[in-house]
Amino acid sequence: MTTTTATKSAASAPSTTKASGWGSLGADDFLKMLTAQLKNQDPTSPVDNTQMVAQLAQFSTLSNSTQMSGTLTAIAAKLDTLNGASATNADIAATLKTISAQLAAIGAAQQAAKAA
């Protein structure tokens, strides 16, 4: 694959996420870099399709991991609620049902990521 550098305007575009550093790159940044890569590639030696698909798969996996991290944070918060002294049996049952559904969603997302 021929690597090219993105133009200054694409590289200096602000990120849509609030974190700083490498962790601040989001979906918009990925699409900007992909567009700049395609725009600036050598027409006589275009990017290999398998490499392009690999980049998209890596981004998809990263996106799924980020989403799972958020779900696990929500589960942890609900578990903290369960540990509170004021939790009633009905609250516990409802929270456990929600956690079970979220864990099922995580399992489904992991299976989808493995299949990709």
N, C-alpha and C. Protein backbone atom coordinates (compact mmCIF):
# COMPACT_ATOMS: atom_id res chain seq x y z
N MET A 1 0.84 -1.17 0.00
CA MET A 1 0.00 0.00 0.00
C MET A 1 0.88 1.23 0.00
N THR A 2 0.59 2.18 -0.83
CA THR A 2 1.32 3.43 -0.86
C THR A 2 0.71 4.35 0.18
N THR A 3 1.55 4.82 1.10
CA THR A 3 1.02 5.71 2.13
C THR A 3 1.20 7.15 1.69
N THR A 4 0.22 7.93 2.00
CA THR A 4 0.28 9.35 1.68
C THR A 4 -0.07 10.13 2.93
N THR A 5 0.33 11.37 2.97
CA THR A 5 -0.02 12.21 4.11
C THR A 5 -1.25 13.02 3.75
N ALA A 6 -2.10 13.19 4.74
CA ALA A 6 -3.33 13.95 4.52
C ALA A 6 -3.00 15.43 4.40
N THR A 7 -3.88 16.14 3.73
CA THR A 7 -3.68 17.58 3.60
C THR A 7 -3.86 18.23 4.96
N LYS A 8 -3.33 19.42 5.13
CA LYS A 8 -3.39 20.11 6.41
C LYS A 8 -4.82 20.36 6.84
N SER A 9 -5.71 20.67 5.91
CA SER A 9 -7.09 20.96 6.29
C SER A 9 -7.78 19.73 6.85
N ALA A 10 -7.51 18.55 6.30
CA ALA A 10 -8.14 17.34 6.82
C ALA A 10 -7.52 16.94 8.15
N ALA A 11 -6.22 17.14 8.29
CA ALA A 11 -5.53 16.74 9.52
C ALA A 11 -5.85 17.67 10.68
N SER A 12 -6.14 18.93 10.41
CA SER A 12 -6.37 19.87 11.49
C SER A 12 -7.85 20.06 11.83
N ALA A 13 -8.72 19.28 11.21
CA ALA A 13 -10.14 19.40 11.50
C ALA A 13 -10.40 18.97 12.94
N PRO A 14 -11.27 19.66 13.66
CA PRO A 14 -11.51 19.33 15.05
C PRO A 14 -12.24 18.00 15.20
N SER A 15 -11.95 17.34 16.28
CA SER A 15 -12.59 16.06 16.57
C SER A 15 -13.96 16.31 17.17
N THR A 16 -14.88 15.36 16.99
CA THR A 16 -16.21 15.52 17.54
C THR A 16 -16.32 14.94 18.94
N THR A 17 -15.28 14.27 19.43
CA THR A 17 -15.32 13.72 20.77
C THR A 17 -14.65 14.68 21.74
N LYS A 18 -14.86 14.48 23.04
CA LYS A 18 -14.39 15.43 24.03
C LYS A 18 -13.07 15.05 24.67
N ALA A 19 -12.60 13.84 24.48
CA ALA A 19 -11.33 13.42 25.09
C ALA A 19 -10.18 14.09 24.36
N SER A 20 -8.98 13.98 24.93
CA SER A 20 -7.83 14.59 24.29
C SER A 20 -6.84 13.51 23.90
N GLY A 21 -5.95 13.83 22.97
CA GLY A 21 -4.94 12.88 22.53
C GLY A 21 -5.51 11.88 21.53
N TRP A 22 -4.84 10.72 21.45
CA TRP A 22 -5.28 9.70 20.49
C TRP A 22 -6.66 9.17 20.80
N GLY A 23 -7.03 9.19 22.06
CA GLY A 23 -8.35 8.71 22.44
C GLY A 23 -9.48 9.58 21.93
N SER A 24 -9.15 10.76 21.39
CA SER A 24 -10.19 11.67 20.93
C SER A 24 -10.64 11.39 19.50
N LEU A 25 -9.97 10.47 18.82
CA LEU A 25 -10.36 10.17 17.45
C LEU A 25 -11.66 9.40 17.44
N GLY A 26 -12.61 9.87 16.64
CA GLY A 26 -13.92 9.22 16.56
C GLY A 26 -14.24 8.82 15.14
N ALA A 27 -15.50 8.50 14.92
CA ALA A 27 -15.96 8.04 13.62
C ALA A 27 -15.76 9.13 12.55
N ASP A 28 -16.02 10.38 12.91
CA ASP A 28 -15.85 11.47 11.94
C ASP A 28 -14.39 11.61 11.52
N ASP A 29 -13.49 11.47 12.50
CA ASP A 29 -12.06 11.57 12.19
C ASP A 29 -11.62 10.43 11.28
N PHE A 30 -12.13 9.23 11.55
CA PHE A 30 -11.79 8.07 10.72
C PHE A 30 -12.24 8.30 9.29
N LEU A 31 -13.46 8.79 9.11
CA LEU A 31 -13.98 9.02 7.77
C LEU A 31 -13.20 10.13 7.05
N LYS A 32 -12.77 11.16 7.80
CA LYS A 32 -11.97 12.23 7.19
C LYS A 32 -10.62 11.69 6.72
N MET A 33 -10.00 10.85 7.55
CA MET A 33 -8.71 10.28 7.16
C MET A 33 -8.86 9.33 5.98
N LEU A 34 -9.93 8.54 5.99
CA LEU A 34 -10.18 7.62 4.87
C LEU A 34 -10.40 8.38 3.58
N THR A 35 -11.18 9.46 3.67
CA THR A 35 -11.44 10.29 2.48
C THR A 35 -10.14 10.93 1.98
N ALA A 36 -9.33 11.46 2.90
CA ALA A 36 -8.06 12.07 2.51
C ALA A 36 -7.13 11.03 1.88
N GLN A 37 -7.14 9.83 2.44
CA GLN A 37 -6.30 8.77 1.88
C GLN A 37 -6.71 8.43 0.45
N LEU A 38 -8.01 8.31 0.23
CA LEU A 38 -8.49 7.99 -1.11
C LEU A 38 -8.24 9.15 -2.08
N LYS A 39 -8.41 10.38 -1.60
CA LYS A 39 -8.21 11.55 -2.45
C LYS A 39 -6.74 11.71 -2.86
N ASN A 40 -5.83 11.38 -1.96
CA ASN A 40 -4.41 11.62 -2.20
C ASN A 40 -3.63 10.38 -2.65
N GLN A 41 -4.32 9.31 -2.93
CA GLN A 41 -3.59 8.11 -3.35
C GLN A 41 -3.06 8.25 -4.78
N ASP A 42 -2.05 7.50 -5.06
CA ASP A 42 -1.44 7.49 -6.39
C ASP A 42 -2.39 6.77 -7.35
N PRO A 43 -2.89 7.44 -8.39
CA PRO A 43 -3.85 6.80 -9.31
C PRO A 43 -3.26 5.58 -10.03
N THR A 44 -1.94 5.55 -10.17
CA THR A 44 -1.33 4.41 -10.85
C THR A 44 -1.14 3.23 -9.91
N SER A 45 -1.27 3.46 -8.61
CA SER A 45 -1.12 2.39 -7.62
C SER A 45 -2.14 2.60 -6.50
N PRO A 46 -3.42 2.32 -6.77
CA PRO A 46 -4.46 2.58 -5.76
C PRO A 46 -4.33 1.65 -4.56
N VAL A 47 -5.04 2.01 -3.50
CA VAL A 47 -5.04 1.22 -2.27
C VAL A 47 -5.64 -0.15 -2.56
N ASP A 48 -5.01 -1.17 -1.98
CA ASP A 48 -5.49 -2.54 -2.14
C ASP A 48 -6.82 -2.71 -1.41
N ASN A 49 -7.79 -3.35 -2.07
CA ASN A 49 -9.12 -3.53 -1.48
C ASN A 49 -9.07 -4.30 -0.16
N THR A 50 -8.20 -5.30 -0.07
CA THR A 50 -8.13 -6.08 1.17
C THR A 50 -7.64 -5.22 2.33
N GLN A 51 -6.72 -4.30 2.06
CA GLN A 51 -6.24 -3.41 3.11
C GLN A 51 -7.35 -2.44 3.54
N MET A 52 -8.13 -1.98 2.58
CA MET A 52 -9.24 -1.07 2.89
C MET A 52 -10.27 -1.78 3.76
N VAL A 53 -10.61 -3.02 3.42
CA VAL A 53 -11.57 -3.79 4.20
C VAL A 53 -11.01 -4.06 5.60
N ALA A 54 -9.73 -4.33 5.70
CA ALA A 54 -9.10 -4.57 7.01
C ALA A 54 -9.20 -3.32 7.88
N GLN A 55 -8.98 -2.14 7.30
CA GLN A 55 -9.09 -0.90 8.06
C GLN A 55 -10.53 -0.69 8.56
N LEU A 56 -11.50 -0.96 7.69
CA LEU A 56 -12.90 -0.81 8.09
C LEU A 56 -13.26 -1.80 9.19
N ALA A 57 -12.75 -3.02 9.10
CA ALA A 57 -13.03 -4.03 10.13
C ALA A 57 -12.40 -3.63 11.46
N GLN A 58 -11.19 -3.09 11.42
CA GLN A 58 -10.54 -2.65 12.65
C GLN A 58 -11.33 -1.52 13.30
N PHE A 59 -11.81 -0.59 12.49
CA PHE A 59 -12.60 0.50 13.05
C PHE A 59 -13.90 -0.02 13.64
N SER A 60 -14.54 -0.97 12.97
CA SER A 60 -15.78 -1.55 13.47
C SER A 60 -15.55 -2.25 14.81
N THR A 61 -14.44 -2.98 14.92
CA THR A 61 -14.12 -3.67 16.16
C THR A 61 -13.88 -2.66 17.28
N LEU A 62 -13.15 -1.60 16.98
CA LEU A 62 -12.90 -0.56 17.98
C LEU A 62 -14.20 0.10 18.42
N SER A 63 -15.07 0.36 17.48
CA SER A 63 -16.36 0.98 17.79
C SER A 63 -17.18 0.07 18.71
N ASN A 64 -17.20 -1.24 18.40
CA ASN A 64 -17.94 -2.18 19.24
C ASN A 64 -17.34 -2.25 20.64
N SER A 65 -16.02 -2.22 20.74
CA SER A 65 -15.36 -2.26 22.05
C SER A 65 -15.72 -1.03 22.88
N THR A 66 -15.76 0.12 22.24
CA THR A 66 -16.12 1.35 22.93
C THR A 66 -17.55 1.28 23.43
N GLN A 67 -18.44 0.76 22.60
CA GLN A 67 -19.84 0.62 22.98
C GLN A 67 -19.98 -0.35 24.15
N MET A 68 -19.23 -1.46 24.11
CA MET A 68 -19.29 -2.43 25.20
C MET A 68 -18.76 -1.83 26.50
N SER A 69 -17.75 -0.99 26.39
CA SER A 69 -17.21 -0.33 27.57
C SER A 69 -18.27 0.53 28.23
N GLY A 70 -19.02 1.25 27.43
CA GLY A 70 -20.11 2.07 27.97
C GLY A 70 -21.19 1.23 28.63
N THR A 71 -21.50 0.09 28.02
CA THR A 71 -22.50 -0.80 28.59
C THR A 71 -22.02 -1.37 29.91
N LEU A 72 -20.75 -1.77 29.97
CA LEU A 72 -20.20 -2.30 31.22
C LEU A 72 -20.18 -1.24 32.32
N THR A 73 -19.94 0.00 31.95
CA THR A 73 -19.98 1.08 32.93
C THR A 73 -21.40 1.23 33.48
N ALA A 74 -22.39 1.12 32.61
CA ALA A 74 -23.78 1.20 33.05
C ALA A 74 -24.12 0.03 33.97
N ILE A 75 -23.62 -1.14 33.64
CA ILE A 75 -23.85 -2.32 34.49
C ILE A 75 -23.21 -2.11 35.86
N ALA A 76 -22.00 -1.59 35.88
CA ALA A 76 -21.32 -1.34 37.16
C ALA A 76 -22.12 -0.35 38.01
N ALA A 77 -22.67 0.67 37.38
CA ALA A 77 -23.47 1.65 38.11
C ALA A 77 -24.72 0.99 38.70
N LYS A 78 -25.32 0.09 37.95
CA LYS A 78 -26.51 -0.60 38.45
C LYS A 78 -26.16 -1.57 39.56
N LEU A 79 -25.00 -2.17 39.47
CA LEU A 79 -24.56 -3.05 40.56
C LEU A 79 -24.30 -2.25 41.83
N ASP A 80 -23.77 -1.04 41.67
CA ASP A 80 -23.59 -0.16 42.83
C ASP A 80 -24.94 0.16 43.47
N THR A 81 -25.95 0.34 42.62
CA THR A 81 -27.30 0.59 43.14
C THR A 81 -27.78 -0.60 43.95
N LEU A 82 -27.48 -1.80 43.45
CA LEU A 82 -27.88 -3.01 44.18
C LEU A 82 -27.22 -3.08 45.55
N ASN A 83 -26.01 -2.61 45.66
CA ASN A 83 -25.29 -2.65 46.92
C ASN A 83 -25.78 -1.62 47.91
N GLY A 84 -26.54 -0.65 47.44
CA GLY A 84 -27.06 0.38 48.34
C GLY A 84 -28.06 -0.20 49.33
N ALA A 85 -28.08 0.35 50.51
CA ALA A 85 -28.96 -0.16 51.57
C ALA A 85 -30.43 0.09 51.29
N SER A 86 -30.74 1.07 50.44
CA SER A 86 -32.14 1.41 50.20
C SER A 86 -32.78 0.61 49.07
N ALA A 87 -32.03 -0.29 48.46
CA ALA A 87 -32.59 -1.06 47.34
C ALA A 87 -33.63 -2.05 47.86
N THR A 88 -34.78 -2.08 47.22
CA THR A 88 -35.83 -3.02 47.59
C THR A 88 -35.74 -4.24 46.70
N ASN A 89 -36.48 -5.27 47.05
CA ASN A 89 -36.47 -6.49 46.24
C ASN A 89 -36.95 -6.23 44.82
N ALA A 90 -37.92 -5.36 44.65
CA ALA A 90 -38.42 -5.04 43.31
C ALA A 90 -37.35 -4.31 42.50
N ASP A 91 -36.63 -3.41 43.15
CA ASP A 91 -35.54 -2.70 42.47
C ASP A 91 -34.46 -3.68 42.05
N ILE A 92 -34.15 -4.61 42.94
CA ILE A 92 -33.10 -5.60 42.65
C ILE A 92 -33.52 -6.47 41.47
N ALA A 93 -34.76 -6.93 41.47
CA ALA A 93 -35.24 -7.78 40.37
C ALA A 93 -35.22 -7.03 39.04
N ALA A 94 -35.66 -5.78 39.06
CA ALA A 94 -35.66 -4.98 37.82
C ALA A 94 -34.25 -4.73 37.33
N THR A 95 -33.33 -4.44 38.25
CA THR A 95 -31.94 -4.19 37.86
C THR A 95 -31.29 -5.44 37.31
N LEU A 96 -31.54 -6.58 37.96
CA LEU A 96 -30.98 -7.85 37.46
C LEU A 96 -31.52 -8.19 36.08
N LYS A 97 -32.78 -7.89 35.83
CA LYS A 97 -33.36 -8.14 34.51
C LYS A 97 -32.69 -7.25 33.46
N THR A 98 -32.46 -5.99 33.80
CA THR A 98 -31.78 -5.06 32.89
C THR A 98 -30.35 -5.51 32.62
N ILE A 99 -29.66 -5.92 33.68
CA ILE A 99 -28.27 -6.38 33.53
C ILE A 99 -28.22 -7.61 32.64
N SER A 100 -29.15 -8.52 32.84
CA SER A 100 -29.20 -9.74 32.02
C SER A 100 -29.39 -9.39 30.55
N ALA A 101 -30.27 -8.44 30.27
CA ALA A 101 -30.50 -8.02 28.88
C ALA A 101 -29.25 -7.37 28.29
N GLN A 102 -28.56 -6.56 29.09
CA GLN A 102 -27.35 -5.90 28.60
C GLN A 102 -26.23 -6.91 28.35
N LEU A 103 -26.11 -7.90 29.22
CA LEU A 103 -25.10 -8.93 29.00
C LEU A 103 -25.40 -9.75 27.74
N ALA A 104 -26.67 -10.01 27.49
CA ALA A 104 -27.06 -10.70 26.26
C ALA A 104 -26.69 -9.86 25.04
N ALA A 105 -26.89 -8.54 25.13
CA ALA A 105 -26.54 -7.65 24.02
C ALA A 105 -25.03 -7.63 23.80
N ILE A 106 -24.26 -7.65 24.88
CA ILE A 106 -22.80 -7.68 24.75
C ILE A 106 -22.35 -8.97 24.07
N GLY A 107 -22.96 -10.10 24.49
CA GLY A 107 -22.62 -11.38 23.86
C GLY A 107 -22.95 -11.38 22.38
N ALA A 108 -24.07 -10.81 22.02
CA ALA A 108 -24.45 -10.74 20.61
C ALA A 108 -23.49 -9.86 19.83
N ALA A 109 -23.07 -8.74 20.42
CA ALA A 109 -22.13 -7.83 19.76
C ALA A 109 -20.77 -8.50 19.57
N GLN A 110 -20.35 -9.27 20.58
CA GLN A 110 -19.06 -9.97 20.45
C GLN A 110 -19.13 -11.03 19.36
N GLN A 111 -20.25 -11.73 19.28
CA GLN A 111 -20.39 -12.74 18.22
C GLN A 111 -20.39 -12.08 16.84
N ALA A 112 -21.04 -10.93 16.75
CA ALA A 112 -21.06 -10.20 15.46
C ALA A 112 -19.67 -9.72 15.09
N ALA A 113 -18.90 -9.25 16.11
CA ALA A 113 -17.55 -8.77 15.84
C ALA A 113 -16.65 -9.91 15.41
N LYS A 114 -16.83 -11.08 15.99
CA LYS A 114 -16.03 -12.24 15.60
C LYS A 114 -16.38 -12.71 14.20
N ALA A 115 -17.64 -12.58 13.83
CA ALA A 115 -18.06 -13.00 12.50
C ALA A 115 -17.57 -12.08 11.41
N ALA A 116 -17.30 -10.80 11.77
CA ALA A 116 -16.88 -9.81 10.77
C ALA A 116 -15.46 -10.01 10.36
